[in-house]
Amino acid sequence: MESAMNVGGNMKKTKTLNLLIVLLTMFALTSCAFIQKTNKRKQIVTTLYPEYDMINKIIGTNQETKDLFDVTLIIPPGQDSHTFDPSIQDLITIKNADIFIYTADEMETWVKDVDFGTDTIVIDLSKDSYKKTDDVDKTSRIKLFQVEDDDDEEPGHDHNHVHAYDPHYWLYPIYSIYMVEQIRDVLINNVEDPFETRPITKVLTDNANAYIDELKKVDQALTLISQTSTQNTMYFGSPFSFYYWHVIYGFDYELTYSTCSTETEPPINVLSNIIDKMKANNIKYIFAKELVNQEACEMISFHTKAEILVLHSGHNVSVEDFRNPDVSYLTILWQDVENLSKMLNVDYNQIIKEVNDYDIKMQ
């Protein structure tokens, strides 16, 4: 009799447990369905690859968050962003966007002429003005550096650019952190997250924090290189985008181009000057920019026997890299750190070890 009662009791517990599992499963499915129903897929359009990558990495691989956003890179992979001119279809895509995110008026000069939709949220990341709440300081933490006007500089060391203010601020990792924080906030503020645990907010925040942690490591690596390099000058055979590295970390530079375009070939005397300096200083590398004509680099390499290394500015990536899931803005930055280490005679592996050791200490 007692045995029968135990069996009956166990069966009762099993039924109760099964019912609880069913109810929890139904609640989870209902929650997901409610989130999906509450949130129309937000159409996000962006311009340059760094913010495109940041947006996608913050959204992450979680299906619930992926289903909330469609992200479009308006400048086609493989195209130099400086030569981009939006087509009619591009303008329609932008007009229909829920959120349009771009780098700066000084970078995407065409944005000022765009007819945005009445409900489109337009984010200029350089303004650093998109915050979670209205009661915080609206002062921008991002300061565009004015390029020094060195008309009297000797050939080969021309620091002049087309831009009065250099718009390539994303190459400074700390400014990239401010970009990530703005993107995180605009994503969080534009989806419904109705449950007390706020699962969507947590996913977006955690992914943003992981990205920020990696950017901090890049900044630390660049700082270590600046402190340990045996020679401090970067040599460029392509247009120059790394002025922020000069100002922040103190790296000097020698240029062949005085603008961000390769449409005009550098003068022979400028090429001769940089070749002479590289030979005199036994420089073994010359930097090239991604997605542009490399004739000047190849000529310098031929006369100096220097190896051509790409110092990637991140404006855009090739079609192949765009399709490669292993390529990201962070992997581009780390490759830049490695190539900079070669140029400046620094042990890259030692830099990485010191960065990782510091990270372990801080945990």
Protein backbone atom coordinates (compact mmCIF):
# COMPACT_ATOMS: atom_id res chain seq x y z
CA MET A 1 0.00 0.00 0.00
CA GLU A 2 2.83 2.37 0.96
CA SER A 3 4.64 1.46 -2.26
CA ALA A 4 1.56 2.25 -4.31
CA MET A 5 1.24 5.61 -2.56
CA ASN A 6 4.89 6.41 -3.38
CA VAL A 7 4.34 5.53 -7.02
CA GLY A 8 1.26 7.69 -7.13
CA GLY A 9 3.12 10.54 -5.46
CA ASN A 10 6.03 10.28 -7.88
CA MET A 11 3.66 10.27 -10.86
CA LYS A 12 1.99 13.36 -9.47
CA LYS A 13 5.37 15.11 -9.10
CA THR A 14 6.37 14.09 -12.63
CA LYS A 15 3.12 15.46 -14.07
CA THR A 16 3.58 18.70 -12.15
CA LEU A 17 7.17 19.01 -13.36
CA ASN A 18 6.15 18.31 -16.96
CA LEU A 19 3.38 20.89 -16.73
CA LEU A 20 5.84 23.45 -15.34
CA ILE A 21 8.27 22.78 -18.21
CA VAL A 22 5.45 23.18 -20.75
CA LEU A 23 4.33 26.46 -19.17
CA LEU A 24 7.88 27.85 -19.07
CA THR A 25 8.44 26.86 -22.70
CA MET A 26 5.16 28.50 -23.73
CA PHE A 27 6.12 31.64 -21.83
CA ALA A 28 9.53 31.77 -23.51
CA LEU A 29 8.00 31.29 -26.95
CA THR A 30 5.29 33.84 -26.21
CA SER A 31 7.92 36.31 -24.97
CA CYS A 32 9.95 35.92 -28.17
CA ALA A 33 6.82 36.24 -30.28
CA PHE A 34 5.76 39.33 -28.34
CA ILE A 35 9.16 40.96 -28.81
CA GLN A 36 9.07 40.12 -32.53
CA LYS A 37 5.52 41.47 -32.87
CA THR A 38 6.25 44.61 -30.86
CA ASN A 39 9.40 45.43 -32.80
CA LYS A 40 9.18 46.10 -36.52
CA ARG A 41 12.57 45.40 -38.12
CA LYS A 42 14.47 48.67 -37.97
CA GLN A 43 16.15 49.67 -41.23
CA ILE A 44 19.62 51.01 -40.45
CA VAL A 45 21.74 52.58 -43.18
CA THR A 46 25.35 53.56 -42.61
CA THR A 47 28.23 54.86 -44.70
CA LEU A 48 31.70 53.65 -43.71
CA TYR A 49 32.86 50.18 -42.76
CA PRO A 50 33.87 50.89 -39.11
CA GLU A 51 30.36 51.86 -38.01
CA TYR A 52 28.83 49.10 -40.16
CA ASP A 53 30.98 46.57 -38.33
CA MET A 54 30.25 48.13 -34.93
CA ILE A 55 26.50 47.97 -35.55
CA ASN A 56 26.60 44.33 -36.59
CA LYS A 57 28.89 43.27 -33.74
CA ILE A 58 26.66 45.02 -31.18
CA ILE A 59 23.58 43.30 -32.63
CA GLY A 60 25.56 40.07 -32.48
CA THR A 61 24.66 36.52 -33.42
CA ASN A 62 21.67 36.18 -31.09
CA GLN A 63 18.71 35.46 -33.36
CA GLU A 64 16.30 37.55 -31.29
CA THR A 65 18.40 40.69 -31.76
CA LYS A 66 19.35 39.88 -35.36
CA ASP A 67 15.65 39.69 -36.24
CA LEU A 68 15.13 43.26 -35.05
CA PHE A 69 17.46 45.06 -37.47
CA ASP A 70 18.42 45.21 -41.14
CA VAL A 71 21.79 46.92 -41.67
CA THR A 72 22.90 48.36 -45.02
CA LEU A 73 26.35 49.67 -45.94
CA ILE A 74 25.45 52.29 -48.54
CA ILE A 75 28.98 52.59 -50.01
CA PRO A 76 29.56 49.33 -51.93
CA PRO A 77 32.42 47.12 -50.72
CA GLY A 78 35.53 47.69 -52.80
CA GLN A 79 34.81 51.36 -53.56
CA ASP A 80 36.99 54.19 -52.27
CA SER A 81 34.71 56.24 -50.01
CA HIS A 82 36.27 59.52 -51.21
CA THR A 83 34.91 58.95 -54.72
CA PHE A 84 31.43 57.77 -53.68
CA ASP A 85 28.43 59.62 -55.09
CA PRO A 86 25.02 58.21 -54.05
CA SER A 87 22.77 56.92 -56.82
CA ILE A 88 19.03 57.57 -56.96
CA GLN A 89 18.45 54.10 -55.49
CA ASP A 90 20.91 54.88 -52.69
CA LEU A 91 19.01 58.07 -51.87
CA ILE A 92 15.72 56.15 -51.79
CA THR A 93 17.26 53.58 -49.44
CA ILE A 94 18.46 56.36 -47.15
CA LYS A 95 15.09 58.15 -47.25
CA ASN A 96 13.31 54.94 -46.21
CA ALA A 97 15.72 54.23 -43.36
CA ASP A 98 14.60 54.33 -39.74
CA ILE A 99 18.13 55.22 -38.66
CA PHE A 100 20.94 56.75 -40.73
CA ILE A 101 24.41 56.71 -39.15
CA TYR A 102 27.41 58.47 -40.66
CA THR A 103 30.88 59.59 -39.64
CA ALA A 104 31.05 63.37 -40.10
CA ASP A 105 30.04 66.16 -42.46
CA GLU A 106 33.76 66.59 -43.17
CA MET A 107 33.95 62.97 -44.36
CA GLU A 108 30.64 62.30 -46.12
CA THR A 109 30.30 65.74 -47.70
CA TRP A 110 27.37 64.53 -49.82
CA VAL A 111 25.14 63.97 -46.76
CA LYS A 112 24.21 67.65 -46.51
CA ASP A 113 22.24 67.33 -49.76
CA VAL A 114 20.26 64.22 -48.77
CA ASP A 115 16.48 64.49 -48.41
CA PHE A 116 15.84 62.39 -45.30
CA GLY A 117 12.49 60.86 -44.40
CA THR A 118 10.48 62.78 -41.81
CA ASP A 119 10.85 59.96 -39.28
CA THR A 120 14.47 59.07 -40.03
CA ILE A 121 16.82 59.38 -37.06
CA VAL A 122 20.06 60.91 -38.39
CA ILE A 123 23.21 60.32 -36.33
CA ASP A 124 26.45 62.21 -37.02
CA LEU A 125 28.81 60.20 -34.81
CA SER A 126 31.39 63.00 -34.71
CA LYS A 127 28.90 65.18 -32.83
CA ASP A 128 28.75 62.56 -30.03
CA SER A 129 25.25 63.84 -29.25
CA TYR A 130 23.18 60.66 -29.08
CA LYS A 131 22.88 59.63 -25.43
CA LYS A 132 20.54 57.32 -23.52
CA THR A 133 18.93 60.15 -21.59
CA ASP A 134 18.33 63.85 -22.00
CA ASP A 135 19.90 64.88 -18.70
CA VAL A 136 23.52 64.19 -19.57
CA ASP A 137 26.23 66.47 -20.89
CA LYS A 138 25.78 66.95 -24.63
CA THR A 139 29.33 68.21 -25.17
CA SER A 140 31.09 66.10 -27.78
CA ARG A 141 33.99 64.01 -26.51
CA ILE A 142 35.18 63.71 -30.13
CA LYS A 143 37.35 66.60 -31.27
CA LEU A 144 38.20 66.78 -34.96
CA PHE A 145 41.82 67.81 -35.30
CA GLN A 146 42.65 70.70 -37.57
CA VAL A 147 45.39 69.65 -39.95
CA GLU A 148 48.48 71.80 -39.57
CA ASP A 149 49.20 74.13 -42.48
CA ASP A 150 52.84 73.50 -43.35
CA ASP A 151 53.24 75.27 -46.66
CA ASP A 152 56.94 75.77 -45.98
CA GLU A 153 57.65 72.10 -45.28
CA GLU A 154 60.21 70.44 -47.49
CA PRO A 155 58.88 68.13 -50.24
CA GLY A 156 57.99 64.68 -49.00
CA HIS A 157 56.86 66.02 -45.64
CA ASP A 158 53.76 67.86 -46.78
CA HIS A 159 51.10 67.67 -44.07
CA ASN A 160 48.44 69.47 -46.10
CA HIS A 161 45.08 67.80 -46.82
CA VAL A 162 41.88 68.71 -48.59
CA HIS A 163 40.03 68.62 -45.24
CA ALA A 164 40.37 71.69 -42.97
CA TYR A 165 39.56 69.27 -40.16
CA ASP A 166 40.73 65.70 -40.45
CA PRO A 167 37.64 63.44 -40.35
CA HIS A 168 39.48 60.14 -39.83
CA TYR A 169 38.88 60.24 -36.07
CA TRP A 170 37.71 56.60 -35.92
CA LEU A 171 41.34 55.49 -36.22
CA TYR A 172 41.90 56.71 -32.66
CA PRO A 173 40.52 53.75 -30.65
CA ILE A 174 39.21 55.93 -27.81
CA TYR A 175 37.08 57.86 -30.29
CA SER A 176 35.93 54.53 -31.70
CA ILE A 177 34.73 53.68 -28.20
CA TYR A 178 32.56 56.80 -28.22
CA MET A 179 31.16 55.67 -31.58
CA VAL A 180 30.29 52.25 -30.14
CA GLU A 181 28.57 53.82 -27.13
CA GLN A 182 26.40 56.02 -29.35
CA ILE A 183 25.47 53.10 -31.61
CA ARG A 184 24.64 50.94 -28.58
CA ASP A 185 22.35 53.65 -27.20
CA VAL A 186 20.53 54.32 -30.46
CA LEU A 187 19.86 50.59 -30.89
CA ILE A 188 18.61 50.19 -27.32
CA ASN A 189 16.40 53.26 -27.53
CA ASN A 190 14.74 52.17 -30.75
CA VAL A 191 13.51 48.69 -29.85
CA GLU A 192 10.87 47.58 -27.37
CA ASP A 193 12.29 45.61 -24.46
CA PRO A 194 9.16 45.10 -22.33
CA PHE A 195 10.26 42.44 -19.88
CA GLU A 196 11.69 43.18 -16.45
CA THR A 197 14.95 41.36 -17.24
CA ARG A 198 15.38 43.50 -20.40
CA PRO A 199 17.01 40.69 -22.43
CA ILE A 200 17.53 42.74 -25.60
CA THR A 201 19.21 45.58 -23.72
CA LYS A 202 21.50 43.10 -21.98
CA VAL A 203 22.60 41.46 -25.26
CA LEU A 204 23.29 44.81 -26.94
CA THR A 205 25.13 46.15 -23.89
CA ASP A 206 27.25 43.02 -23.41
CA ASN A 207 28.24 42.96 -27.09
CA ALA A 208 29.13 46.66 -27.03
CA ASN A 209 31.24 46.15 -23.90
CA ALA A 210 33.17 43.31 -25.57
CA TYR A 211 33.91 45.57 -28.56
CA ILE A 212 34.97 48.42 -26.27
CA ASP A 213 37.32 46.15 -24.32
CA GLU A 214 39.09 45.20 -27.55
CA LEU A 215 39.42 48.85 -28.61
CA LYS A 216 41.04 49.64 -25.26
CA LYS A 217 43.62 46.94 -25.97
CA VAL A 218 44.38 48.44 -29.39
CA ASP A 219 44.90 51.84 -27.77
CA GLN A 220 47.23 50.31 -25.21
CA ALA A 221 49.19 48.52 -27.95
CA LEU A 222 49.67 51.76 -29.90
CA THR A 223 50.78 53.53 -26.73
CA LEU A 224 53.34 50.80 -26.02
CA ILE A 225 54.69 51.01 -29.58
CA SER A 226 55.12 54.78 -29.24
CA GLN A 227 57.06 54.25 -26.01
CA THR A 228 59.39 51.52 -27.31
CA SER A 229 59.97 52.24 -31.01
CA THR A 230 63.57 52.73 -32.16
CA GLN A 231 62.50 54.93 -35.07
CA ASN A 232 59.36 57.02 -34.98
CA THR A 233 58.50 57.85 -38.60
CA MET A 234 55.86 56.21 -40.78
CA TYR A 235 56.57 56.31 -44.54
CA PHE A 236 53.58 56.42 -46.88
CA GLY A 237 53.43 55.79 -50.61
CA SER A 238 49.65 56.25 -50.64
CA PRO A 239 47.20 58.89 -49.38
CA PHE A 240 47.44 59.50 -45.64
CA SER A 241 44.63 58.99 -43.09
CA PHE A 242 46.54 58.51 -39.85
CA TYR A 243 46.91 62.10 -38.62
CA TYR A 244 45.26 61.13 -35.31
CA TRP A 245 48.06 58.64 -34.66
CA HIS A 246 50.52 61.50 -35.16
CA VAL A 247 48.73 63.80 -32.71
CA ILE A 248 47.79 61.23 -30.06
CA TYR A 249 50.73 58.83 -30.09
CA GLY A 250 53.46 61.06 -31.52
CA PHE A 251 54.26 59.04 -34.66
CA ASP A 252 55.79 61.25 -37.34
CA TYR A 253 55.21 60.70 -41.05
CA GLU A 254 56.66 61.19 -44.53
CA LEU A 255 54.18 61.48 -47.40
CA THR A 256 54.06 61.20 -51.16
CA TYR A 257 50.50 62.55 -51.49
CA SER A 258 49.25 65.83 -50.06
CA THR A 259 45.56 64.89 -50.46
CA CYS A 260 43.34 61.88 -49.77
CA SER A 261 43.13 61.05 -53.48
CA THR A 262 45.44 59.26 -55.93
CA GLU A 263 43.89 61.01 -58.95
CA THR A 264 46.90 63.35 -59.12
CA GLU A 265 50.30 61.67 -59.21
CA PRO A 266 52.92 62.92 -56.73
CA PRO A 267 55.70 65.11 -58.22
CA ILE A 268 59.00 63.43 -59.09
CA ASN A 269 60.90 65.58 -56.59
CA VAL A 270 58.59 64.38 -53.78
CA LEU A 271 59.15 60.75 -54.75
CA SER A 272 62.90 61.30 -54.95
CA ASN A 273 62.90 62.97 -51.55
CA ILE A 274 61.13 60.12 -49.75
CA ILE A 275 63.30 57.53 -51.55
CA ASP A 276 66.46 59.34 -50.42
CA LYS A 277 65.22 59.54 -46.82
CA MET A 278 64.29 55.87 -46.73
CA LYS A 279 67.70 54.86 -48.07
CA ALA A 280 69.51 57.14 -45.62
CA ASN A 281 67.57 55.74 -42.66
CA ASN A 282 67.60 52.12 -43.87
CA ILE A 283 63.79 51.94 -43.91
CA LYS A 284 62.63 48.47 -44.89
CA TYR A 285 58.89 49.10 -45.34
CA ILE A 286 56.57 51.51 -47.15
CA PHE A 287 52.91 51.89 -46.22
CA ALA A 288 50.12 51.57 -48.78
CA LYS A 289 46.46 52.44 -48.34
CA GLU A 290 43.69 49.98 -49.13
CA LEU A 291 41.60 50.13 -52.34
CA VAL A 292 43.68 52.77 -54.16
CA ASN A 293 46.25 52.92 -56.95
CA GLN A 294 49.62 51.67 -55.68
CA GLU A 295 51.91 52.93 -58.49
CA ALA A 296 53.79 55.35 -56.23
CA CYS A 297 54.26 52.65 -53.57
CA GLU A 298 55.55 50.23 -56.17
CA MET A 299 58.01 52.80 -57.54
CA ILE A 300 59.33 53.59 -54.05
CA SER A 301 59.58 49.87 -53.27
CA PHE A 302 61.51 49.26 -56.49
CA HIS A 303 64.11 51.93 -55.71
CA THR A 304 64.48 51.19 -51.99
CA LYS A 305 63.81 47.42 -51.90
CA ALA A 306 61.30 48.19 -49.16
CA GLU A 307 58.41 45.79 -48.59
CA ILE A 308 54.93 47.22 -49.18
CA LEU A 309 52.65 46.89 -46.14
CA VAL A 310 49.01 47.96 -46.03
CA LEU A 311 48.10 50.33 -43.22
CA HIS A 312 44.34 50.00 -43.51
CA SER A 313 42.33 53.14 -42.75
CA GLY A 314 39.06 51.21 -42.52
CA HIS A 315 37.02 53.49 -44.80
CA ASN A 316 35.86 50.42 -46.69
CA VAL A 317 36.90 46.83 -47.41
CA SER A 318 37.20 44.71 -50.52
CA VAL A 319 34.29 42.55 -51.66
CA GLU A 320 36.26 39.48 -50.57
CA ASP A 321 36.89 40.86 -47.08
CA PHE A 322 33.27 42.01 -46.77
CA ARG A 323 32.12 38.43 -47.33
CA ASN A 324 34.73 36.99 -44.98
CA PRO A 325 33.24 36.46 -41.48
CA ASP A 326 36.75 36.51 -39.99
CA VAL A 327 37.35 40.12 -41.11
CA SER A 328 36.15 42.96 -38.91
CA TYR A 329 37.19 46.50 -38.08
CA LEU A 330 38.95 45.07 -35.02
CA THR A 331 40.97 42.56 -37.06
CA ILE A 332 41.91 45.42 -39.40
CA LEU A 333 43.15 47.49 -36.45
CA TRP A 334 45.21 44.60 -35.08
CA GLN A 335 46.78 44.03 -38.50
CA ASP A 336 47.63 47.74 -38.56
CA VAL A 337 49.25 47.41 -35.14
CA GLU A 338 51.36 44.51 -36.41
CA ASN A 339 52.41 46.36 -39.57
CA LEU A 340 53.22 49.50 -37.60
CA SER A 341 55.40 47.38 -35.32
CA LYS A 342 57.38 46.23 -38.36
CA MET A 343 57.79 49.76 -39.68
CA LEU A 344 59.00 51.08 -36.31
CA ASN A 345 61.22 48.09 -35.40
CA VAL A 346 59.10 46.96 -32.46
CA ASP A 347 58.55 43.35 -31.35
CA TYR A 348 54.84 42.83 -32.05
CA ASN A 349 54.63 39.62 -30.00
CA GLN A 350 56.09 41.41 -26.99
CA ILE A 351 53.53 44.20 -27.40
CA ILE A 352 50.68 41.67 -27.45
CA LYS A 353 52.11 39.89 -24.40
CA GLU A 354 52.28 43.14 -22.44
CA VAL A 355 48.72 44.06 -23.44
CA ASN A 356 47.42 40.64 -22.39
CA ASP A 357 49.40 40.66 -19.14
CA TYR A 358 47.95 44.04 -18.25
CA ASP A 359 44.44 42.80 -19.09
CA ILE A 360 44.88 39.80 -16.76
CA LYS A 361 46.06 42.05 -13.92
CA MET A 362 43.01 44.29 -14.32
CA GLN A 363 40.51 41.42 -14.17
